[in-house]
Amino acid sequence: EALAAEEINEVVVDVAGRLAAVAEDSGAVHLVNLHTWRLERTFAGKRGHTNLCSSVALRPGRDWGLASGGMDAAVILWQRSGRAHTVSMRTQDDERSAGVVHGPQLCNPPFVHSLVYAPSGETLFAGLGDGSLVVLNAATGEQLQRLRGGHAAAVCQVTCAPCGVITGGNDQAICLWRYTGKELSERPE
Protein backbone atom coordinates (compact mmCIF):
# COMPACT_ATOMS: atom_id res chain seq x y z
CA GLU A 1 0.00 0.00 0.00
CA ALA A 2 1.31 3.46 -0.92
CA LEU A 3 2.07 5.88 1.87
CA ALA A 4 1.80 9.08 -0.15
CA ALA A 5 -0.96 10.36 -2.38
CA GLU A 6 1.57 11.90 -4.79
CA GLU A 7 5.31 11.84 -5.52
CA ILE A 8 7.68 11.73 -2.55
CA ASN A 9 10.31 14.49 -2.57
CA GLU A 10 12.37 13.78 0.52
CA VAL A 11 12.68 11.29 3.38
CA VAL A 12 14.69 12.05 6.53
CA VAL A 13 15.24 9.93 9.64
CA ASP A 14 15.60 11.22 13.20
CA VAL A 15 18.90 10.69 15.04
CA ALA A 16 17.41 7.86 17.12
CA GLY A 17 16.38 5.96 14.00
CA ARG A 18 12.79 5.75 15.21
CA LEU A 19 10.90 8.13 12.92
CA ALA A 20 11.02 8.99 9.24
CA ALA A 21 9.51 12.22 7.95
CA VAL A 22 8.29 12.16 4.36
CA ALA A 23 7.61 15.22 2.15
CA GLU A 24 5.27 14.82 -0.81
CA ASP A 25 3.88 16.72 -3.79
CA SER A 26 0.41 17.09 -2.25
CA GLY A 27 1.99 19.38 0.37
CA ALA A 28 1.59 16.79 3.12
CA VAL A 29 4.24 15.62 5.58
CA HIS A 30 3.97 12.08 6.95
CA LEU A 31 5.64 10.64 10.06
CA VAL A 32 6.37 6.91 9.88
CA ASN A 33 7.39 4.79 12.86
CA LEU A 34 10.37 2.78 11.56
CA HIS A 35 10.02 0.07 14.21
CA THR A 36 6.41 -0.77 13.37
CA TRP A 37 6.40 0.60 9.82
CA ARG A 38 3.13 2.38 10.63
CA LEU A 39 2.03 5.87 9.74
CA GLU A 40 1.98 7.85 13.00
CA ARG A 41 0.61 11.13 11.70
CA THR A 42 0.05 13.21 8.60
CA PHE A 43 0.54 16.97 8.77
CA ALA A 44 -1.50 18.76 6.11
CA GLY A 45 -4.67 20.72 5.57
CA LYS A 46 -5.40 24.38 6.13
CA ARG A 47 -2.28 24.85 8.29
CA GLY A 48 -0.04 23.07 5.78
CA HIS A 49 1.52 23.81 2.44
CA THR A 50 -0.60 25.20 -0.39
CA ASN A 51 1.74 23.69 -2.97
CA LEU A 52 4.37 20.92 -3.17
CA CYS A 53 6.25 20.08 0.02
CA SER A 54 9.83 19.80 -1.25
CA SER A 55 11.80 19.39 1.97
CA VAL A 56 11.44 18.20 5.53
CA ALA A 57 13.75 18.23 8.57
CA LEU A 58 13.67 16.68 12.03
CA ARG A 59 15.21 18.71 14.85
CA PRO A 60 18.12 16.95 16.59
CA GLY A 61 18.53 16.92 20.34
CA ARG A 62 14.87 17.62 21.06
CA ASP A 63 11.89 15.49 21.93
CA TRP A 64 9.99 17.20 19.12
CA GLY A 65 10.88 19.33 16.13
CA LEU A 66 9.57 19.08 12.59
CA ALA A 67 9.94 21.64 9.82
CA SER A 68 8.84 21.50 6.21
CA GLY A 69 9.46 23.73 3.22
CA GLY A 70 7.70 24.01 -0.07
CA MET A 71 6.96 25.52 -3.42
CA ASP A 72 4.59 27.93 -1.68
CA ALA A 73 7.70 29.80 -0.43
CA ALA A 74 6.92 28.81 3.16
CA VAL A 75 8.73 27.12 6.02
CA ILE A 76 6.30 25.48 8.41
CA LEU A 77 7.28 24.69 11.99
CA TRP A 78 4.92 21.92 13.06
CA GLN A 79 3.75 21.27 16.61
CA ARG A 80 3.05 17.72 17.71
CA SER A 81 -0.66 18.62 17.97
CA GLY A 82 -0.80 19.43 14.26
CA ARG A 83 -0.85 23.17 14.77
CA ALA A 84 1.74 25.05 12.82
CA HIS A 85 3.64 28.31 12.54
CA THR A 86 4.18 29.39 8.95
CA VAL A 87 7.14 31.59 8.01
CA SER A 88 6.79 33.13 4.55
CA MET A 89 9.96 33.61 2.53
CA ARG A 90 9.42 36.92 0.78
CA THR A 91 11.37 38.77 -1.86
CA GLN A 92 11.99 42.31 -0.74
CA ASP A 93 12.12 45.21 -3.19
CA ASP A 94 15.77 45.92 -2.41
CA GLU A 95 16.84 42.27 -2.71
CA ARG A 96 18.49 40.79 -5.77
CA SER A 97 17.15 37.57 -7.19
CA ALA A 98 19.47 34.91 -8.53
CA GLY A 99 19.59 34.36 -12.24
CA VAL A 100 21.06 37.31 -14.12
CA VAL A 101 21.67 35.91 -17.59
CA HIS A 102 22.94 38.17 -20.39
CA GLY A 103 20.60 41.06 -19.77
CA PRO A 104 17.49 41.46 -17.67
CA GLN A 105 17.31 39.83 -14.31
CA LEU A 106 15.24 36.66 -14.05
CA CYS A 107 12.88 36.55 -11.10
CA ASN A 108 13.25 33.35 -9.14
CA PRO A 109 10.70 33.09 -6.34
CA PRO A 110 11.99 32.19 -2.87
CA PHE A 111 10.62 28.65 -3.03
CA VAL A 112 12.04 26.47 -0.24
CA HIS A 113 14.12 23.73 -1.87
CA SER A 114 16.03 22.38 1.13
CA LEU A 115 15.96 22.50 4.93
CA VAL A 116 18.38 21.31 7.59
CA TYR A 117 18.73 21.93 11.31
CA ALA A 118 22.11 22.79 12.80
CA PRO A 119 23.48 19.90 14.90
CA SER A 120 22.60 21.89 18.05
CA GLY A 121 18.95 22.07 16.97
CA GLU A 122 18.88 25.81 17.70
CA THR A 123 19.01 26.98 14.09
CA LEU A 124 17.26 26.00 10.86
CA PHE A 125 18.80 26.68 7.44
CA ALA A 126 16.70 27.05 4.29
CA GLY A 127 17.99 27.01 0.71
CA LEU A 128 15.76 29.14 -1.51
CA GLY A 129 14.94 29.35 -5.18
CA ASP A 130 16.16 32.95 -5.36
CA GLY A 131 19.72 31.80 -4.62
CA SER A 132 19.75 32.84 -0.97
CA LEU A 133 20.40 30.92 2.23
CA VAL A 134 18.14 31.83 5.14
CA VAL A 135 19.00 31.27 8.80
CA LEU A 136 15.99 30.88 11.11
CA ASN A 137 15.57 30.52 14.85
CA ALA A 138 14.42 26.90 15.08
CA ALA A 139 11.95 27.56 17.91
CA THR A 140 10.28 30.76 16.71
CA GLY A 141 10.94 30.90 12.97
CA GLU A 142 12.44 34.37 13.31
CA GLN A 143 14.71 35.14 10.36
CA LEU A 144 18.19 35.75 11.76
CA GLN A 145 20.09 36.12 8.48
CA ARG A 146 19.52 36.02 4.74
CA LEU A 147 22.71 35.47 2.82
CA ARG A 148 23.31 36.09 -0.87
CA GLY A 149 26.29 36.02 -3.14
CA GLY A 150 27.11 32.35 -3.08
CA HIS A 151 24.84 31.14 -5.87
CA ALA A 152 23.70 32.52 -9.22
CA ALA A 153 20.67 30.19 -9.25
CA ALA A 154 18.44 28.30 -6.82
CA VAL A 155 19.99 26.75 -3.71
CA CYS A 156 18.73 23.19 -4.10
CA GLN A 157 20.57 21.47 -1.20
CA VAL A 158 21.74 22.50 2.26
CA THR A 159 23.65 20.32 4.70
CA CYS A 160 25.64 20.83 7.89
CA ALA A 161 29.19 19.56 8.29
CA PRO A 162 31.87 20.09 10.97
CA CYS A 163 33.45 22.74 8.73
CA GLY A 164 30.23 24.76 8.29
CA VAL A 165 27.09 24.85 6.18
CA ILE A 166 27.41 23.53 2.64
CA THR A 167 25.02 24.55 -0.12
CA GLY A 168 24.63 23.18 -3.61
CA GLY A 169 22.93 25.13 -6.34
CA ASN A 170 21.37 24.84 -9.75
CA ASP A 171 24.36 26.92 -10.90
CA GLN A 172 26.55 23.76 -10.60
CA ALA A 173 28.38 25.29 -7.61
CA ILE A 174 28.81 24.32 -3.99
CA CYS A 175 29.59 26.85 -1.27
CA LEU A 176 30.94 26.53 2.25
CA TRP A 177 29.52 29.04 4.71
CA ARG A 178 31.42 29.26 8.01
CA TYR A 179 29.07 28.89 10.97
CA THR A 180 30.04 30.15 14.43
CA GLY A 181 26.98 28.77 16.19
CA LYS A 182 25.41 32.23 16.17
CA GLU A 183 25.76 33.38 12.58
CA LEU A 184 27.07 32.46 9.16
CA SER A 185 29.88 34.28 7.42
CA GLU A 186 28.61 36.82 4.88
CA ARG A 187 30.76 35.36 2.09
CA PRO A 188 31.03 31.71 1.15
CA GLU A 189 34.35 30.09 0.39
C-alpha atoms as a PDB file:
ATOM      1  CA  GLU A   1       0.000   0.000   0.000  1.00  0.00           C
ATOM      2  CA  ALA A   2       1.307   3.464  -0.925  1.00  0.00           C
ATOM      3  CA  LEU A   3       2.069   5.883   1.874  1.00  0.00           C
ATOM      4  CA  ALA A   4       1.800   9.077  -0.145  1.00  0.00           C
ATOM      5  CA  ALA A   5      -0.962  10.363  -2.381  1.00  0.00           C
ATOM      6  CA  GLU A   6       1.569  11.903  -4.785  1.00  0.00           C
ATOM      7  CA  GLU A   7       5.310  11.840  -5.516  1.00  0.00           C
ATOM      8  CA  ILE A   8       7.680  11.729  -2.546  1.00  0.00           C
ATOM      9  CA  ASN A   9      10.307  14.488  -2.570  1.00  0.00           C
ATOM     10  CA  GLU A  10      12.372  13.780   0.523  1.00  0.00           C
ATOM     11  CA  VAL A  11      12.681  11.292   3.376  1.00  0.00           C
ATOM     12  CA  VAL A  12      14.694  12.049   6.532  1.00  0.00           C
ATOM     13  CA  VAL A  13      15.241   9.930   9.637  1.00  0.00           C
ATOM     14  CA  ASP A  14      15.599  11.221  13.202  1.00  0.00           C
ATOM     15  CA  VAL A  15      18.898  10.693  15.035  1.00  0.00           C
ATOM     16  CA  ALA A  16      17.414   7.858  17.122  1.00  0.00           C
ATOM     17  CA  GLY A  17      16.377   5.959  14.000  1.00  0.00           C
ATOM     18  CA  ARG A  18      12.790   5.748  15.210  1.00  0.00           C
ATOM     19  CA  LEU A  19      10.898   8.135  12.917  1.00  0.00           C
ATOM     20  CA  ALA A  20      11.020   8.991   9.236  1.00  0.00           C
ATOM     21  CA  ALA A  21       9.509  12.218   7.948  1.00  0.00           C
ATOM     22  CA  VAL A  22       8.288  12.161   4.359  1.00  0.00           C
ATOM     23  CA  ALA A  23       7.607  15.224   2.154  1.00  0.00           C
ATOM     24  CA  GLU A  24       5.270  14.817  -0.806  1.00  0.00           C
ATOM     25  CA  ASP A  25       3.881  16.719  -3.791  1.00  0.00           C
ATOM     26  CA  SER A  26       0.409  17.087  -2.251  1.00  0.00           C
ATOM     27  CA  GLY A  27       1.992  19.379   0.369  1.00  0.00           C
ATOM     28  CA  ALA A  28       1.590  16.792   3.124  1.00  0.00           C
ATOM     29  CA  VAL A  29       4.241  15.619   5.579  1.00  0.00           C
ATOM     30  CA  HIS A  30       3.973  12.083   6.954  1.00  0.00           C
ATOM     31  CA  LEU A  31       5.645  10.639  10.060  1.00  0.00           C
ATOM     32  CA  VAL A  32       6.367   6.914   9.880  1.00  0.00           C
ATOM     33  CA  ASN A  33       7.394   4.786  12.857  1.00  0.00           C
ATOM     34  CA  LEU A  34      10.374   2.779  11.556  1.00  0.00           C
ATOM     35  CA  HIS A  35      10.023   0.066  14.215  1.00  0.00           C
ATOM     36  CA  THR A  36       6.407  -0.773  13.372  1.00  0.00           C
ATOM     37  CA  TRP A  37       6.399   0.601   9.815  1.00  0.00           C
ATOM     38  CA  ARG A  38       3.127   2.379  10.626  1.00  0.00           C
ATOM     39  CA  LEU A  39       2.025   5.866   9.738  1.00  0.00           C
ATOM     40  CA  GLU A  40       1.979   7.852  13.004  1.00  0.00           C
ATOM     41  CA  ARG A  41       0.613  11.129  11.697  1.00  0.00           C
ATOM     42  CA  THR A  42       0.050  13.214   8.600  1.00  0.00           C
ATOM     43  CA  PHE A  43       0.543  16.972   8.769  1.00  0.00           C
ATOM     44  CA  ALA A  44      -1.504  18.757   6.105  1.00  0.00           C
ATOM     45  CA  GLY A  45      -4.674  20.720   5.574  1.00  0.00           C
ATOM     46  CA  LYS A  46      -5.396  24.382   6.125  1.00  0.00           C
ATOM     47  CA  ARG A  47      -2.276  24.852   8.285  1.00  0.00           C
ATOM     48  CA  GLY A  48      -0.042  23.070   5.776  1.00  0.00           C
ATOM     49  CA  HIS A  49       1.522  23.812   2.436  1.00  0.00           C
ATOM     50  CA  THR A  50      -0.599  25.199  -0.385  1.00  0.00           C
ATOM     51  CA  ASN A  51       1.742  23.693  -2.966  1.00  0.00           C
ATOM     52  CA  LEU A  52       4.365  20.923  -3.166  1.00  0.00           C
ATOM     53  CA  CYS A  53       6.254  20.076   0.016  1.00  0.00           C
ATOM     54  CA  SER A  54       9.828  19.797  -1.246  1.00  0.00           C
ATOM     55  CA  SER A  55      11.797  19.394   1.970  1.00  0.00           C
ATOM     56  CA  VAL A  56      11.439  18.196   5.531  1.00  0.00           C
ATOM     57  CA  ALA A  57      13.752  18.233   8.566  1.00  0.00           C
ATOM     58  CA  LEU A  58      13.669  16.677  12.033  1.00  0.00           C
ATOM     59  CA  ARG A  59      15.212  18.714  14.854  1.00  0.00           C
ATOM     60  CA  PRO A  60      18.121  16.953  16.585  1.00  0.00           C
ATOM     61  CA  GLY A  61      18.531  16.922  20.339  1.00  0.00           C
ATOM     62  CA  ARG A  62      14.871  17.619  21.064  1.00  0.00           C
ATOM     63  CA  ASP A  63      11.891  15.490  21.933  1.00  0.00           C
ATOM     64  CA  TRP A  64       9.988  17.197  19.118  1.00  0.00           C
ATOM     65  CA  GLY A  65      10.877  19.326  16.132  1.00  0.00           C
ATOM     66  CA  LEU A  66       9.568  19.079  12.590  1.00  0.00           C
ATOM     67  CA  ALA A  67       9.943  21.643   9.822  1.00  0.00           C
ATOM     68  CA  SER A  68       8.842  21.496   6.213  1.00  0.00           C
ATOM     69  CA  GLY A  69       9.457  23.731   3.221  1.00  0.00           C
ATOM     70  CA  GLY A  70       7.700  24.011  -0.067  1.00  0.00           C
ATOM     71  CA  MET A  71       6.962  25.522  -3.418  1.00  0.00           C
ATOM     72  CA  ASP A  72       4.593  27.934  -1.675  1.00  0.00           C
ATOM     73  CA  ALA A  73       7.703  29.801  -0.425  1.00  0.00           C
ATOM     74  CA  ALA A  74       6.924  28.812   3.164  1.00  0.00           C
ATOM     75  CA  VAL A  75       8.727  27.124   6.017  1.00  0.00           C
ATOM     76  CA  ILE A  76       6.297  25.482   8.412  1.00  0.00           C
ATOM     77  CA  LEU A  77       7.283  24.689  11.992  1.00  0.00           C
ATOM     78  CA  TRP A  78       4.921  21.917  13.061  1.00  0.00           C
ATOM     79  CA  GLN A  79       3.752  21.266  16.608  1.00  0.00           C
ATOM     80  CA  ARG A  80       3.054  17.723  17.707  1.00  0.00           C
ATOM     81  CA  SER A  81      -0.659  18.624  17.972  1.00  0.00           C
ATOM     82  CA  GLY A  82      -0.801  19.426  14.258  1.00  0.00           C
ATOM     83  CA  ARG A  83      -0.854  23.172  14.771  1.00  0.00           C
ATOM     84  CA  ALA A  84       1.736  25.051  12.823  1.00  0.00           C
ATOM     85  CA  HIS A  85       3.641  28.308  12.544  1.00  0.00           C
ATOM     86  CA  THR A  86       4.184  29.390   8.946  1.00  0.00           C
ATOM     87  CA  VAL A  87       7.135  31.587   8.007  1.00  0.00           C
ATOM     88  CA  SER A  88       6.791  33.129   4.545  1.00  0.00           C
ATOM     89  CA  MET A  89       9.959  33.610   2.535  1.00  0.00           C
ATOM     90  CA  ARG A  90       9.417  36.918   0.781  1.00  0.00           C
ATOM     91  CA  THR A  91      11.373  38.765  -1.857  1.00  0.00           C
ATOM     92  CA  GLN A  92      11.987  42.312  -0.738  1.00  0.00           C
ATOM     93  CA  ASP A  93      12.121  45.215  -3.191  1.00  0.00           C
ATOM     94  CA  ASP A  94      15.765  45.918  -2.412  1.00  0.00           C
ATOM     95  CA  GLU A  95      16.842  42.267  -2.711  1.00  0.00           C
ATOM     96  CA  ARG A  96      18.486  40.794  -5.767  1.00  0.00           C
ATOM     97  CA  SER A  97      17.147  37.575  -7.187  1.00  0.00           C
ATOM     98  CA  ALA A  98      19.469  34.915  -8.530  1.00  0.00           C
ATOM     99  CA  GLY A  99      19.587  34.361 -12.236  1.00  0.00           C
ATOM    100  CA  VAL A 100      21.064  37.311 -14.121  1.00  0.00           C
ATOM    101  CA  VAL A 101      21.671  35.909 -17.592  1.00  0.00           C
ATOM    102  CA  HIS A 102      22.942  38.168 -20.393  1.00  0.00           C
ATOM    103  CA  GLY A 103      20.598  41.058 -19.767  1.00  0.00           C
ATOM    104  CA  PRO A 104      17.492  41.463 -17.669  1.00  0.00           C
ATOM    105  CA  GLN A 105      17.314  39.827 -14.307  1.00  0.00           C
ATOM    106  CA  LEU A 106      15.242  36.661 -14.049  1.00  0.00           C
ATOM    107  CA  CYS A 107      12.883  36.549 -11.098  1.00  0.00           C
ATOM    108  CA  ASN A 108      13.252  33.348  -9.138  1.00  0.00           C
ATOM    109  CA  PRO A 109      10.705  33.085  -6.336  1.00  0.00           C
ATOM    110  CA  PRO A 110      11.992  32.193  -2.869  1.00  0.00           C
ATOM    111  CA  PHE A 111      10.620  28.645  -3.033  1.00  0.00           C
ATOM    112  CA  VAL A 112      12.039  26.467  -0.242  1.00  0.00           C
ATOM    113  CA  HIS A 113      14.117  23.728  -1.874  1.00  0.00           C
ATOM    114  CA  SER A 114      16.033  22.376   1.126  1.00  0.00           C
ATOM    115  CA  LEU A 115      15.958  22.504   4.930  1.00  0.00           C
ATOM    116  CA  VAL A 116      18.376  21.305   7.586  1.00  0.00           C
ATOM    117  CA  TYR A 117      18.728  21.928  11.307  1.00  0.00           C
ATOM    118  CA  ALA A 118      22.113  22.790  12.804  1.00  0.00           C
ATOM    119  CA  PRO A 119      23.483  19.897  14.899  1.00  0.00           C
ATOM    120  CA  SER A 120      22.604  21.890  18.045  1.00  0.00           C
ATOM    121  CA  GLY A 121      18.952  22.070  16.970  1.00  0.00           C
ATOM    122  CA  GLU A 122      18.882  25.806  17.700  1.00  0.00           C
ATOM    123  CA  THR A 123      19.013  26.975  14.086  1.00  0.00           C
ATOM    124  CA  LEU A 124      17.256  25.999  10.864  1.00  0.00           C
ATOM    125  CA  PHE A 125      18.795  26.677   7.444  1.00  0.00           C
ATOM    126  CA  ALA A 126      16.696  27.048   4.286  1.00  0.00           C
ATOM    127  CA  GLY A 127      17.992  27.007   0.706  1.00  0.00           C
ATOM    128  CA  LEU A 128      15.765  29.137  -1.508  1.00  0.00           C
ATOM    129  CA  GLY A 129      14.940  29.347  -5.182  1.00  0.00           C
ATOM    130  CA  ASP A 130      16.157  32.949  -5.364  1.00  0.00           C
ATOM    131  CA  GLY A 131      19.716  31.800  -4.624  1.00  0.00           C
ATOM    132  CA  SER A 132      19.747  32.840  -0.974  1.00  0.00           C
ATOM    133  CA  LEU A 133      20.405  30.924   2.226  1.00  0.00           C
ATOM    134  CA  VAL A 134      18.136  31.828   5.145  1.00  0.00           C
ATOM    135  CA  VAL A 135      19.002  31.265   8.801  1.00  0.00           C
ATOM    136  CA  LEU A 136      15.987  30.877  11.109  1.00  0.00           C
ATOM    137  CA  ASN A 137      15.570  30.523  14.848  1.00  0.00           C
ATOM    138  CA  ALA A 138      14.417  26.900  15.079  1.00  0.00           C
ATOM    139  CA  ALA A 139      11.949  27.560  17.908  1.00  0.00           C
ATOM    140  CA  THR A 140      10.283  30.764  16.711  1.00  0.00           C
ATOM    141  CA  GLY A 141      10.941  30.897  12.971  1.00  0.00           C
ATOM    142  CA  GLU A 142      12.443  34.370  13.315  1.00  0.00           C
ATOM    143  CA  GLN A 143      14.706  35.138  10.357  1.00  0.00           C
ATOM    144  CA  LEU A 144      18.190  35.746  11.760  1.00  0.00           C
ATOM    145  CA  GLN A 145      20.094  36.121   8.480  1.00  0.00           C
ATOM    146  CA  ARG A 146      19.522  36.018   4.744  1.00  0.00           C
ATOM    147  CA  LEU A 147      22.706  35.472   2.820  1.00  0.00           C
ATOM    148  CA  ARG A 148      23.310  36.088  -0.868  1.00  0.00           C
ATOM    149  CA  GLY A 149      26.288  36.019  -3.140  1.00  0.00           C
ATOM    150  CA  GLY A 150      27.112  32.346  -3.083  1.00  0.00           C
ATOM    151  CA  HIS A 151      24.842  31.136  -5.867  1.00  0.00           C
ATOM    152  CA  ALA A 152      23.705  32.523  -9.219  1.00  0.00           C
ATOM    153  CA  ALA A 153      20.670  30.194  -9.253  1.00  0.00           C
ATOM    154  CA  ALA A 154      18.441  28.302  -6.821  1.00  0.00           C
ATOM    155  CA  VAL A 155      19.987  26.752  -3.710  1.00  0.00           C
ATOM    156  CA  CYS A 156      18.734  23.190  -4.103  1.00  0.00           C
ATOM    157  CA  GLN A 157      20.574  21.466  -1.205  1.00  0.00           C
ATOM    158  CA  VAL A 158      21.736  22.505   2.262  1.00  0.00           C
ATOM    159  CA  THR A 159      23.652  20.325   4.700  1.00  0.00           C
ATOM    160  CA  CYS A 160      25.640  20.827   7.886  1.00  0.00           C
ATOM    161  CA  ALA A 161      29.189  19.559   8.295  1.00  0.00           C
ATOM    162  CA  PRO A 162      31.867  20.092  10.969  1.00  0.00           C
ATOM    163  CA  CYS A 163      33.454  22.743   8.729  1.00  0.00           C
ATOM    164  CA  GLY A 164      30.232  24.765   8.294  1.00  0.00           C
ATOM    165  CA  VAL A 165      27.088  24.847   6.181  1.00  0.00           C
ATOM    166  CA  ILE A 166      27.413  23.527   2.641  1.00  0.00           C
ATOM    167  CA  THR A 167      25.017  24.552  -0.116  1.00  0.00           C
ATOM    168  CA  GLY A 168      24.626  23.184  -3.613  1.00  0.00           C
ATOM    169  CA  GLY A 169      22.926  25.131  -6.339  1.00  0.00           C
ATOM    170  CA  ASN A 170      21.374  24.838  -9.745  1.00  0.00           C
ATOM    171  CA  ASP A 171      24.362  26.920 -10.896  1.00  0.00           C
ATOM    172  CA  GLN A 172      26.546  23.759 -10.596  1.00  0.00           C
ATOM    173  CA  ALA A 173      28.383  25.292  -7.610  1.00  0.00           C
ATOM    174  CA  ILE A 174      28.810  24.317  -3.986  1.00  0.00           C
ATOM    175  CA  CYS A 175      29.586  26.849  -1.265  1.00  0.00           C
ATOM    176  CA  LEU A 176      30.938  26.528   2.246  1.00  0.00           C
ATOM    177  CA  TRP A 177      29.517  29.035   4.710  1.00  0.00           C
ATOM    178  CA  ARG A 178      31.421  29.255   8.006  1.00  0.00           C
ATOM    179  CA  TYR A 179      29.074  28.889  10.973  1.00  0.00           C
ATOM    180  CA  THR A 180      30.042  30.149  14.426  1.00  0.00           C
ATOM    181  CA  GLY A 181      26.979  28.768  16.185  1.00  0.00           C
ATOM    182  CA  LYS A 182      25.410  32.228  16.169  1.00  0.00           C
ATOM    183  CA  GLU A 183      25.760  33.377  12.578  1.00  0.00           C
ATOM    184  CA  LEU A 184      27.069  32.460   9.163  1.00  0.00           C
ATOM    185  CA  SER A 185      29.879  34.280   7.415  1.00  0.00           C
ATOM    186  CA  GLU A 186      28.606  36.816   4.880  1.00  0.00           C
ATOM    187  CA  ARG A 187      30.755  35.355   2.095  1.00  0.00           C
ATOM    188  CA  PRO A 188      31.034  31.712   1.147  1.00  0.00           C
ATOM    189  CA  GLU A 189      34.346  30.086   0.391  1.00  0.00           C
END
